[in-house]
């Protein structure tokens, strides 16, 4: 596999991994907890979801042909809690992720050095992808952290549980070295 193809496959998997983390965190919450904000200066998980989705729709719609900050985007409204159910939150979440996934699926390796614009600033396609690969996990991390705070002691870890690193490492080092590749089944679960 050529480097450009390998890069595209890698970023697709990384985005799917962070989508899965956000979903597993939200799945642990009661529906009303998605709307909880600690104070006026704090965003609820719902607001974070609306922001991620709004950003995705703006950045990835007509990705190669129009500026990534669309005229129709109302970024400030993304932080308003105007959704009323977990189903609405997940619908918005999936709408953004589907837009991203469709854009990535349509990319060809030879387009990675093309220039696209975000707020009139030129970026190579690789730079634009990397920018979002930093942005979305930042917000997914907020969702995970917030969900963990809301669940308190009933939180189920999404990574190596606290004080379990030794067991985890012993299990990993007991196996032969391998290159991590997602199986088709793992990719389906991530989607």
N, C-alpha and C. Protein backbone atom coordinates (compact mmCIF):
# COMPACT_ATOMS: atom_id res chain seq x y z
N UNK A 1 0.86 -1.18 0.00
CA UNK A 1 0.00 0.00 0.00
C UNK A 1 0.90 1.24 0.00
N UNK A 2 0.60 2.18 -0.86
CA UNK A 2 1.37 3.42 -0.93
C UNK A 2 1.13 4.26 0.31
N UNK A 3 2.09 5.15 0.58
CA UNK A 3 2.03 5.99 1.78
C UNK A 3 0.76 6.82 1.83
N UNK A 4 0.35 7.44 0.72
CA UNK A 4 -0.85 8.27 0.71
C UNK A 4 -2.11 7.45 1.00
N UNK A 5 -2.17 6.25 0.45
CA UNK A 5 -3.31 5.37 0.72
C UNK A 5 -3.31 4.94 2.18
N UNK A 6 -2.12 4.65 2.67
CA UNK A 6 -1.96 4.23 4.06
C UNK A 6 -2.39 5.36 5.00
N UNK A 7 -2.02 6.59 4.66
CA UNK A 7 -2.41 7.75 5.47
C UNK A 7 -3.93 7.86 5.53
N UNK A 8 -4.59 7.79 4.38
CA UNK A 8 -6.05 7.91 4.35
C UNK A 8 -6.72 6.81 5.17
N UNK A 9 -6.25 5.58 5.05
CA UNK A 9 -6.82 4.49 5.84
C UNK A 9 -6.60 4.73 7.33
N UNK A 10 -5.42 5.23 7.68
CA UNK A 10 -5.11 5.50 9.09
C UNK A 10 -6.03 6.57 9.67
N UNK A 11 -6.23 7.68 8.95
CA UNK A 11 -7.07 8.74 9.51
C UNK A 11 -8.53 8.31 9.60
N UNK A 12 -8.99 7.53 8.64
CA UNK A 12 -10.36 7.02 8.72
C UNK A 12 -10.55 6.21 10.00
N UNK A 13 -9.59 5.34 10.30
CA UNK A 13 -9.66 4.52 11.50
C UNK A 13 -9.58 5.38 12.76
N UNK A 14 -8.73 6.40 12.75
CA UNK A 14 -8.61 7.27 13.91
C UNK A 14 -9.91 8.02 14.18
N UNK A 15 -10.50 8.58 13.13
CA UNK A 15 -11.77 9.27 13.31
C UNK A 15 -12.84 8.31 13.85
N UNK A 16 -12.91 7.11 13.30
CA UNK A 16 -13.90 6.14 13.77
C UNK A 16 -13.67 5.76 15.23
N UNK A 17 -12.41 5.68 15.62
CA UNK A 17 -12.09 5.35 17.01
C UNK A 17 -12.63 6.43 17.95
N UNK A 18 -12.43 7.70 17.60
CA UNK A 18 -12.90 8.77 18.48
C UNK A 18 -14.42 8.89 18.45
N UNK A 19 -15.03 8.58 17.33
CA UNK A 19 -16.50 8.53 17.27
C UNK A 19 -17.02 7.47 18.24
N UNK A 20 -16.38 6.30 18.22
CA UNK A 20 -16.76 5.21 19.10
C UNK A 20 -16.59 5.61 20.57
N UNK A 21 -15.49 6.28 20.91
CA UNK A 21 -15.28 6.70 22.30
C UNK A 21 -16.39 7.64 22.76
N UNK A 22 -16.73 8.61 21.93
CA UNK A 22 -17.82 9.54 22.28
C UNK A 22 -19.13 8.81 22.49
N UNK A 23 -19.42 7.87 21.61
CA UNK A 23 -20.67 7.11 21.71
C UNK A 23 -20.71 6.24 22.95
N UNK A 24 -19.59 5.59 23.26
CA UNK A 24 -19.55 4.74 24.46
C UNK A 24 -19.69 5.58 25.73
N UNK A 25 -19.16 6.78 25.71
CA UNK A 25 -19.32 7.66 26.87
C UNK A 25 -20.78 8.09 27.00
N UNK A 26 -21.40 8.52 25.90
CA UNK A 26 -22.79 8.96 25.96
C UNK A 26 -23.74 7.82 26.30
N UNK A 27 -23.41 6.61 25.84
CA UNK A 27 -24.25 5.44 26.13
C UNK A 27 -24.37 5.17 27.63
N UNK A 28 -23.36 5.56 28.40
CA UNK A 28 -23.39 5.30 29.84
C UNK A 28 -24.28 6.29 30.60
N UNK A 29 -24.70 7.35 29.93
CA UNK A 29 -25.44 8.41 30.62
C UNK A 29 -26.94 8.22 30.53
N UNK A 30 -27.62 8.75 31.53
CA UNK A 30 -29.07 8.88 31.46
C UNK A 30 -29.35 10.01 30.47
N UNK A 31 -30.45 9.96 29.73
CA UNK A 31 -30.71 11.00 28.71
C UNK A 31 -30.59 12.42 29.25
N UNK A 32 -31.13 12.70 30.43
CA UNK A 32 -31.09 14.07 30.95
C UNK A 32 -29.68 14.55 31.26
N UNK A 33 -28.74 13.63 31.48
CA UNK A 33 -27.36 14.02 31.77
C UNK A 33 -26.67 14.64 30.56
N UNK A 34 -27.14 14.34 29.37
CA UNK A 34 -26.58 14.95 28.15
C UNK A 34 -26.79 16.46 28.13
N UNK A 35 -27.75 16.94 28.88
CA UNK A 35 -28.12 18.35 28.85
C UNK A 35 -27.59 19.12 30.06
N UNK A 36 -26.85 18.44 30.93
CA UNK A 36 -26.35 19.04 32.16
C UNK A 36 -25.15 19.95 31.87
N UNK A 37 -25.21 21.15 32.43
CA UNK A 37 -24.07 22.07 32.40
C UNK A 37 -23.81 22.50 33.83
N UNK A 38 -22.56 22.50 34.22
CA UNK A 38 -22.20 22.83 35.60
C UNK A 38 -22.50 24.28 35.93
N UNK A 39 -22.24 25.17 34.98
CA UNK A 39 -22.51 26.59 35.18
C UNK A 39 -22.73 27.26 33.82
N UNK A 40 -22.93 28.57 33.81
CA UNK A 40 -23.22 29.30 32.57
C UNK A 40 -22.07 29.26 31.57
N UNK A 41 -20.84 29.09 32.08
CA UNK A 41 -19.68 29.10 31.20
C UNK A 41 -19.25 27.71 30.75
N UNK A 42 -20.03 26.72 31.10
CA UNK A 42 -19.71 25.34 30.75
C UNK A 42 -20.70 24.83 29.71
N UNK A 43 -20.20 24.09 28.75
CA UNK A 43 -21.07 23.49 27.73
C UNK A 43 -21.55 22.13 28.19
N UNK A 44 -22.79 21.83 27.90
CA UNK A 44 -23.31 20.48 28.13
C UNK A 44 -22.74 19.57 27.04
N UNK A 45 -22.89 18.28 27.24
CA UNK A 45 -22.47 17.34 26.20
C UNK A 45 -23.27 17.60 24.92
N UNK A 46 -24.54 17.94 25.08
CA UNK A 46 -25.36 18.26 23.91
C UNK A 46 -24.76 19.41 23.11
N UNK A 47 -24.32 20.45 23.79
CA UNK A 47 -23.72 21.60 23.09
C UNK A 47 -22.43 21.19 22.40
N UNK A 48 -21.64 20.36 23.05
CA UNK A 48 -20.40 19.90 22.43
C UNK A 48 -20.71 19.08 21.18
N UNK A 49 -21.72 18.21 21.27
CA UNK A 49 -22.13 17.41 20.11
C UNK A 49 -22.58 18.32 18.98
N UNK A 50 -23.41 19.31 19.30
CA UNK A 50 -23.89 20.24 18.25
C UNK A 50 -22.71 20.97 17.61
N UNK A 51 -21.73 21.36 18.42
CA UNK A 51 -20.56 22.07 17.88
C UNK A 51 -19.74 21.15 16.97
N UNK A 52 -19.46 19.94 17.42
CA UNK A 52 -18.69 19.01 16.59
C UNK A 52 -19.42 18.78 15.26
N UNK A 53 -20.71 18.51 15.34
CA UNK A 53 -21.48 18.25 14.14
C UNK A 53 -21.53 19.47 13.22
N UNK A 54 -21.75 20.64 13.80
CA UNK A 54 -21.78 21.86 12.99
C UNK A 54 -20.45 22.10 12.28
N UNK A 55 -19.36 21.84 13.00
CA UNK A 55 -18.04 21.98 12.40
C UNK A 55 -17.86 20.97 11.28
N UNK A 56 -18.26 19.74 11.52
CA UNK A 56 -18.11 18.70 10.50
C UNK A 56 -18.90 19.03 9.25
N UNK A 57 -20.14 19.44 9.44
CA UNK A 57 -20.97 19.76 8.27
C UNK A 57 -20.38 20.91 7.48
N UNK A 58 -19.85 21.90 8.19
CA UNK A 58 -19.25 23.05 7.52
C UNK A 58 -17.95 22.67 6.82
N UNK A 59 -17.09 21.96 7.51
CA UNK A 59 -15.77 21.64 6.96
C UNK A 59 -15.82 20.62 5.83
N UNK A 60 -16.71 19.62 5.94
CA UNK A 60 -16.63 18.47 5.04
C UNK A 60 -17.65 18.48 3.91
N UNK A 61 -18.63 19.39 3.95
CA UNK A 61 -19.56 19.54 2.82
C UNK A 61 -18.81 20.23 1.69
N UNK A 62 -18.83 19.66 0.52
CA UNK A 62 -18.09 20.21 -0.64
C UNK A 62 -16.64 20.50 -0.24
N UNK A 63 -16.02 19.55 0.41
CA UNK A 63 -14.70 19.70 1.02
C UNK A 63 -13.65 20.28 0.07
N UNK A 64 -13.58 19.77 -1.14
CA UNK A 64 -12.53 20.20 -2.06
C UNK A 64 -12.89 21.46 -2.85
N UNK A 65 -14.15 21.88 -2.79
CA UNK A 65 -14.57 22.95 -3.71
C UNK A 65 -15.09 24.22 -3.06
N UNK A 66 -15.36 24.20 -1.76
CA UNK A 66 -15.84 25.44 -1.13
C UNK A 66 -15.15 25.65 0.21
N UNK A 67 -15.13 26.88 0.66
CA UNK A 67 -14.48 27.21 1.93
C UNK A 67 -15.09 26.37 3.05
N UNK A 68 -14.25 25.92 3.96
CA UNK A 68 -14.69 25.08 5.07
C UNK A 68 -15.54 25.79 6.10
N UNK A 69 -15.57 27.10 6.08
CA UNK A 69 -16.46 27.85 6.98
C UNK A 69 -17.61 28.35 6.12
N UNK A 70 -18.69 27.57 6.08
CA UNK A 70 -19.82 27.87 5.21
C UNK A 70 -20.61 29.07 5.71
N UNK A 71 -21.17 29.82 4.75
CA UNK A 71 -21.99 31.00 5.09
C UNK A 71 -23.21 30.61 5.92
N UNK A 72 -23.73 29.40 5.72
CA UNK A 72 -24.94 28.98 6.42
C UNK A 72 -24.67 28.48 7.84
N UNK A 73 -23.43 28.34 8.20
CA UNK A 73 -23.12 27.85 9.56
C UNK A 73 -23.37 28.96 10.58
N UNK A 74 -24.04 28.61 11.67
CA UNK A 74 -24.24 29.54 12.78
C UNK A 74 -23.54 28.94 14.00
N UNK A 75 -22.24 29.18 14.10
CA UNK A 75 -21.42 28.56 15.14
C UNK A 75 -21.94 28.89 16.54
N UNK A 76 -22.33 30.13 16.77
CA UNK A 76 -22.80 30.52 18.11
C UNK A 76 -24.03 29.72 18.53
N UNK A 77 -24.91 29.39 17.59
CA UNK A 77 -26.11 28.62 17.91
C UNK A 77 -25.79 27.17 18.29
N UNK A 78 -24.60 26.70 17.89
CA UNK A 78 -24.22 25.34 18.23
C UNK A 78 -24.11 25.14 19.75
N UNK A 79 -23.91 26.21 20.49
CA UNK A 79 -23.71 26.12 21.93
C UNK A 79 -25.00 26.37 22.73
N UNK A 80 -26.12 26.48 22.02
CA UNK A 80 -27.42 26.64 22.68
C UNK A 80 -28.04 25.25 22.89
N UNK A 81 -28.62 25.05 24.06
CA UNK A 81 -29.28 23.77 24.35
C UNK A 81 -30.72 23.82 23.88
N UNK A 82 -30.93 23.57 22.60
CA UNK A 82 -32.29 23.61 22.05
C UNK A 82 -32.77 22.24 21.59
N UNK A 83 -32.03 21.20 21.93
CA UNK A 83 -32.49 19.84 21.64
C UNK A 83 -33.21 19.31 22.87
N UNK A 84 -34.08 18.32 22.67
CA UNK A 84 -34.94 17.89 23.77
C UNK A 84 -34.86 16.40 24.10
N UNK A 85 -34.13 15.63 23.31
CA UNK A 85 -34.07 14.20 23.59
C UNK A 85 -32.72 13.64 23.19
N UNK A 86 -32.39 12.50 23.76
CA UNK A 86 -31.15 11.80 23.42
C UNK A 86 -31.17 11.43 21.93
N UNK A 87 -32.32 11.07 21.42
CA UNK A 87 -32.43 10.70 20.01
C UNK A 87 -32.05 11.87 19.11
N UNK A 88 -32.49 13.08 19.46
CA UNK A 88 -32.12 14.26 18.68
C UNK A 88 -30.61 14.51 18.74
N UNK A 89 -30.03 14.32 19.92
CA UNK A 89 -28.59 14.51 20.08
C UNK A 89 -27.83 13.53 19.19
N UNK A 90 -28.23 12.27 19.23
CA UNK A 90 -27.55 11.25 18.43
C UNK A 90 -27.77 11.46 16.93
N UNK A 91 -28.93 11.98 16.57
CA UNK A 91 -29.19 12.28 15.16
C UNK A 91 -28.23 13.36 14.65
N UNK A 92 -28.05 14.41 15.45
CA UNK A 92 -27.11 15.49 15.09
C UNK A 92 -25.68 14.95 15.03
N UNK A 93 -25.33 14.16 16.03
CA UNK A 93 -24.00 13.53 16.10
C UNK A 93 -23.73 12.73 14.82
N UNK A 94 -24.66 11.85 14.46
CA UNK A 94 -24.46 11.00 13.28
C UNK A 94 -24.47 11.77 11.98
N UNK A 95 -25.22 12.83 11.91
CA UNK A 95 -25.25 13.65 10.69
C UNK A 95 -23.86 14.23 10.40
N UNK A 96 -23.20 14.72 11.44
CA UNK A 96 -21.86 15.26 11.26
C UNK A 96 -20.85 14.19 10.89
N UNK A 97 -20.86 13.08 11.63
CA UNK A 97 -19.91 12.00 11.36
C UNK A 97 -20.13 11.40 9.98
N UNK A 98 -21.38 11.27 9.55
CA UNK A 98 -21.65 10.74 8.20
C UNK A 98 -21.08 11.65 7.13
N UNK A 99 -21.20 12.95 7.33
CA UNK A 99 -20.66 13.91 6.38
C UNK A 99 -19.13 13.76 6.28
N UNK A 100 -18.48 13.66 7.43
CA UNK A 100 -17.03 13.47 7.47
C UNK A 100 -16.64 12.17 6.76
N UNK A 101 -17.30 11.07 7.13
CA UNK A 101 -16.97 9.77 6.55
C UNK A 101 -17.16 9.76 5.04
N UNK A 102 -18.23 10.37 4.55
CA UNK A 102 -18.47 10.42 3.11
C UNK A 102 -17.39 11.22 2.39
N UNK A 103 -16.97 12.33 3.00
CA UNK A 103 -15.92 13.15 2.38
C UNK A 103 -14.61 12.38 2.33
N UNK A 104 -14.26 11.70 3.42
CA UNK A 104 -13.01 10.95 3.44
C UNK A 104 -13.04 9.79 2.44
N UNK A 105 -14.19 9.13 2.32
CA UNK A 105 -14.32 8.02 1.38
C UNK A 105 -14.16 8.48 -0.06
N UNK A 106 -14.53 9.72 -0.33
CA UNK A 106 -14.45 10.21 -1.71
C UNK A 106 -13.05 10.71 -2.08
N UNK A 107 -12.18 10.89 -1.09
CA UNK A 107 -10.83 11.40 -1.37
C UNK A 107 -9.96 10.35 -2.05
N UNK A 108 -9.14 10.84 -2.95
CA UNK A 108 -8.16 9.99 -3.62
C UNK A 108 -6.77 10.41 -3.14
N UNK A 109 -5.85 9.47 -3.02
CA UNK A 109 -4.52 9.79 -2.51
C UNK A 109 -3.85 10.97 -3.23
N UNK A 110 -4.07 11.07 -4.52
CA UNK A 110 -3.42 12.16 -5.28
C UNK A 110 -4.00 13.54 -4.94
N UNK A 111 -5.08 13.60 -4.19
CA UNK A 111 -5.67 14.89 -3.80
C UNK A 111 -5.11 15.43 -2.49
N UNK A 112 -4.29 14.65 -1.80
CA UNK A 112 -3.82 15.04 -0.47
C UNK A 112 -2.99 16.32 -0.45
N UNK A 113 -2.37 16.66 -1.56
CA UNK A 113 -1.58 17.90 -1.60
C UNK A 113 -2.36 19.07 -2.20
N UNK A 114 -3.62 18.83 -2.61
CA UNK A 114 -4.46 19.92 -3.10
C UNK A 114 -4.66 20.96 -1.99
N UNK A 115 -4.95 22.19 -2.40
CA UNK A 115 -5.19 23.26 -1.44
C UNK A 115 -6.70 23.46 -1.27
N UNK A 116 -7.14 23.50 -0.02
CA UNK A 116 -8.51 23.86 0.31
C UNK A 116 -8.45 25.07 1.25
N UNK A 117 -9.59 25.70 1.45
CA UNK A 117 -9.61 26.92 2.27
C UNK A 117 -10.54 26.78 3.45
N UNK A 118 -10.10 27.29 4.57
CA UNK A 118 -10.93 27.41 5.77
C UNK A 118 -10.81 28.86 6.22
N UNK A 119 -11.92 29.59 6.15
CA UNK A 119 -11.92 31.03 6.46
C UNK A 119 -10.87 31.78 5.62
N UNK A 120 -10.82 31.42 4.34
CA UNK A 120 -9.92 32.04 3.37
C UNK A 120 -8.45 31.74 3.57
N UNK A 121 -8.11 30.84 4.47
CA UNK A 121 -6.72 30.44 4.68
C UNK A 121 -6.48 29.10 4.00
N UNK A 122 -5.47 29.04 3.14
CA UNK A 122 -5.18 27.83 2.40
C UNK A 122 -4.52 26.76 3.25
N UNK A 123 -4.94 25.53 3.05
CA UNK A 123 -4.37 24.36 3.72
C UNK A 123 -4.27 23.25 2.68
N UNK A 124 -3.24 22.43 2.78
CA UNK A 124 -3.28 21.21 1.98
C UNK A 124 -4.38 20.33 2.57
N UNK A 125 -4.84 19.39 1.79
CA UNK A 125 -5.86 18.46 2.28
C UNK A 125 -5.34 17.74 3.52
N UNK A 126 -4.06 17.34 3.50
CA UNK A 126 -3.47 16.68 4.68
C UNK A 126 -3.54 17.60 5.89
N UNK A 127 -3.17 18.86 5.72
CA UNK A 127 -3.22 19.80 6.85
C UNK A 127 -4.65 19.96 7.37
N UNK A 128 -5.61 20.04 6.47
CA UNK A 128 -7.01 20.20 6.88
C UNK A 128 -7.49 18.96 7.64
N UNK A 129 -7.12 17.78 7.17
CA UNK A 129 -7.50 16.55 7.86
C UNK A 129 -6.85 16.51 9.24
N UNK A 130 -5.56 16.82 9.30
CA UNK A 130 -4.85 16.79 10.59
C UNK A 130 -5.43 17.81 11.57
N UNK A 131 -5.84 18.95 11.04
CA UNK A 131 -6.46 19.98 11.89
C UNK A 131 -7.71 19.43 12.57
N UNK A 132 -8.53 18.73 11.80
CA UNK A 132 -9.77 18.18 12.35
C UNK A 132 -9.49 16.94 13.21
N UNK A 133 -8.43 16.21 12.89
CA UNK A 133 -8.07 15.05 13.69
C UNK A 133 -7.53 15.47 15.05
N UNK A 134 -7.17 16.71 15.20
CA UNK A 134 -6.82 17.26 16.52
C UNK A 134 -8.06 17.87 17.19
N UNK A 135 -8.90 18.52 16.41
CA UNK A 135 -10.07 19.23 16.94
C UNK A 135 -11.12 18.27 17.52
N UNK A 136 -11.52 17.27 16.76
CA UNK A 136 -12.60 16.40 17.21
C UNK A 136 -12.22 15.57 18.44
N UNK A 137 -11.02 14.97 18.48
CA UNK A 137 -10.66 14.25 19.71
C UNK A 137 -10.58 15.16 20.94
N UNK A 138 -10.22 16.41 20.75
CA UNK A 138 -10.22 17.38 21.85
C UNK A 138 -11.62 17.44 22.46
N UNK A 139 -12.63 17.57 21.61
CA UNK A 139 -14.01 17.66 22.11
C UNK A 139 -14.54 16.31 22.58
N UNK A 140 -14.15 15.23 21.92
CA UNK A 140 -14.56 13.91 22.41
C UNK A 140 -13.98 13.68 23.80
N UNK A 141 -12.76 14.14 24.02
CA UNK A 141 -12.17 14.06 25.35
C UNK A 141 -12.99 14.81 26.39
N UNK A 142 -13.53 15.97 25.99
CA UNK A 142 -14.41 16.71 26.90
C UNK A 142 -15.66 15.90 27.22
N UNK A 143 -16.23 15.27 26.20
CA UNK A 143 -17.43 14.45 26.40
C UNK A 143 -17.13 13.31 27.37
N UNK A 144 -16.02 12.62 27.14
CA UNK A 144 -15.65 11.49 28.00
C UNK A 144 -15.41 11.96 29.43
N UNK A 145 -14.67 13.05 29.59
CA UNK A 145 -14.38 13.56 30.92
C UNK A 145 -15.66 13.96 31.65
N UNK A 146 -16.51 14.68 30.94
CA UNK A 146 -17.78 15.14 31.52
C UNK A 146 -18.67 13.95 31.89
N UNK A 147 -18.75 12.98 30.99
CA UNK A 147 -19.57 11.80 31.26
C UNK A 147 -19.05 11.05 32.49
N UNK A 148 -17.74 10.95 32.59
CA UNK A 148 -17.14 10.26 33.74
C UNK A 148 -17.48 11.00 35.04
N UNK A 149 -17.47 12.32 35.00
CA UNK A 149 -17.82 13.11 36.18
C UNK A 149 -19.29 12.90 36.55
N UNK A 150 -20.14 12.85 35.56
CA UNK A 150 -21.57 12.68 35.82
C UNK A 150 -21.90 11.28 36.34
N UNK A 151 -21.18 10.27 35.89
CA UNK A 151 -21.45 8.89 36.31
C UNK A 151 -20.80 8.55 37.64
N UNK A 152 -19.78 9.28 38.02
CA UNK A 152 -19.05 9.04 39.28
C UNK A 152 -18.56 7.60 39.36
N UNK A 153 -18.87 6.90 40.43
CA UNK A 153 -18.30 5.57 40.65
C UNK A 153 -18.89 4.50 39.73
N UNK A 154 -19.98 4.77 39.06
CA UNK A 154 -20.57 3.76 38.18
C UNK A 154 -20.03 3.84 36.74
N UNK A 155 -18.99 4.62 36.54
CA UNK A 155 -18.36 4.77 35.22
C UNK A 155 -17.63 3.50 34.82
N UNK A 156 -17.84 3.06 33.58
CA UNK A 156 -17.09 1.93 33.02
C UNK A 156 -16.00 2.50 32.13
N UNK A 157 -14.76 2.21 32.48
CA UNK A 157 -13.61 2.77 31.78
C UNK A 157 -13.64 2.45 30.29
N UNK A 158 -13.22 3.41 29.49
CA UNK A 158 -13.14 3.22 28.04
C UNK A 158 -11.71 2.90 27.60
N UNK A 159 -10.80 2.88 28.55
CA UNK A 159 -9.41 2.53 28.25
C UNK A 159 -8.92 1.59 29.35
N UNK A 160 -7.65 1.62 29.66
CA UNK A 160 -7.12 0.77 30.72
C UNK A 160 -7.64 1.32 32.05
N UNK A 161 -8.38 0.53 32.82
CA UNK A 161 -8.92 1.03 34.09
C UNK A 161 -7.80 1.43 35.06
N UNK A 162 -8.12 2.35 35.92
CA UNK A 162 -7.18 2.83 36.93
C UNK A 162 -6.63 1.64 37.74
N UNK A 163 -5.32 1.67 37.96
CA UNK A 163 -4.60 0.63 38.72
C UNK A 163 -4.60 -0.74 38.03
N UNK A 164 -4.84 -0.78 36.74
CA UNK A 164 -4.85 -2.05 36.00
C UNK A 164 -3.79 -2.08 34.90
N UNK A 165 -2.88 -1.11 34.86
CA UNK A 165 -1.86 -1.04 33.80
C UNK A 165 -0.94 -2.25 33.82
N UNK A 166 -0.55 -2.69 35.02
CA UNK A 166 0.35 -3.84 35.12
C UNK A 166 -0.27 -5.09 34.50
N UNK A 167 -1.53 -5.36 34.81
CA UNK A 167 -2.22 -6.52 34.24
C UNK A 167 -2.33 -6.39 32.72
N UNK A 168 -2.69 -5.20 32.27
CA UNK A 168 -2.86 -4.96 30.84
C UNK A 168 -1.54 -5.19 30.10
N UNK A 169 -0.45 -4.60 30.63
CA UNK A 169 0.86 -4.74 29.98
C UNK A 169 1.34 -6.18 30.01
N UNK A 170 1.14 -6.88 31.11
CA UNK A 170 1.55 -8.28 31.21
C UNK A 170 0.85 -9.11 30.13
N UNK A 171 -0.43 -8.85 29.93
CA UNK A 171 -1.19 -9.57 28.90
C UNK A 171 -0.65 -9.26 27.50
N UNK A 172 -0.38 -7.99 27.23
CA UNK A 172 0.12 -7.59 25.91
C UNK A 172 1.52 -8.15 25.64
N UNK A 173 2.41 -8.08 26.64
CA UNK A 173 3.78 -8.53 26.43
C UNK A 173 3.90 -10.05 26.44
N UNK A 174 2.86 -10.75 26.84
CA UNK A 174 2.86 -12.21 26.79
C UNK A 174 2.62 -12.71 25.37
N UNK A 175 2.20 -11.83 24.49
CA UNK A 175 1.91 -12.19 23.09
C UNK A 175 3.10 -11.86 22.20
N UNK A 176 3.08 -12.43 21.00
CA UNK A 176 4.08 -12.10 19.99
C UNK A 176 3.86 -10.67 19.49
N UNK A 177 4.93 -10.04 19.02
CA UNK A 177 4.80 -8.70 18.44
C UNK A 177 3.92 -8.77 17.22
N UNK A 178 3.11 -7.71 17.02
CA UNK A 178 2.22 -7.66 15.87
C UNK A 178 2.00 -6.21 15.46
N UNK A 179 1.60 -6.04 14.23
CA UNK A 179 1.20 -4.72 13.75
C UNK A 179 -0.32 -4.67 13.86
N UNK A 180 -0.80 -3.63 14.56
CA UNK A 180 -2.24 -3.52 14.79
C UNK A 180 -2.95 -3.13 13.51
N UNK A 181 -3.80 -3.99 13.04
CA UNK A 181 -4.68 -3.72 11.91
C UNK A 181 -6.09 -4.03 12.37
N UNK A 182 -7.02 -3.16 12.07
CA UNK A 182 -8.40 -3.43 12.42
C UNK A 182 -8.94 -4.51 11.49
N UNK A 183 -9.64 -5.47 12.05
CA UNK A 183 -10.32 -6.46 11.23
C UNK A 183 -11.60 -5.82 10.69
N UNK A 184 -12.20 -6.47 9.72
CA UNK A 184 -13.46 -5.96 9.17
C UNK A 184 -14.52 -5.87 10.27
N UNK A 185 -14.56 -6.88 11.15
CA UNK A 185 -15.54 -6.87 12.25
C UNK A 185 -15.29 -5.69 13.19
N UNK A 186 -14.02 -5.42 13.51
CA UNK A 186 -13.71 -4.29 14.38
C UNK A 186 -14.12 -2.97 13.73
N UNK A 187 -13.85 -2.84 12.45
CA UNK A 187 -14.26 -1.61 11.74
C UNK A 187 -15.76 -1.45 11.73
N UNK A 188 -16.51 -2.53 11.56
CA UNK A 188 -17.97 -2.45 11.59
C UNK A 188 -18.45 -2.00 12.97
N UNK A 189 -17.82 -2.52 14.03
CA UNK A 189 -18.20 -2.10 15.39
C UNK A 189 -17.89 -0.64 15.61
N UNK A 190 -16.79 -0.15 15.05
CA UNK A 190 -16.43 1.26 15.20
C UNK A 190 -17.44 2.16 14.50
N UNK A 191 -17.97 1.67 13.38
CA UNK A 191 -18.92 2.48 12.63
C UNK A 191 -20.23 2.46 13.37
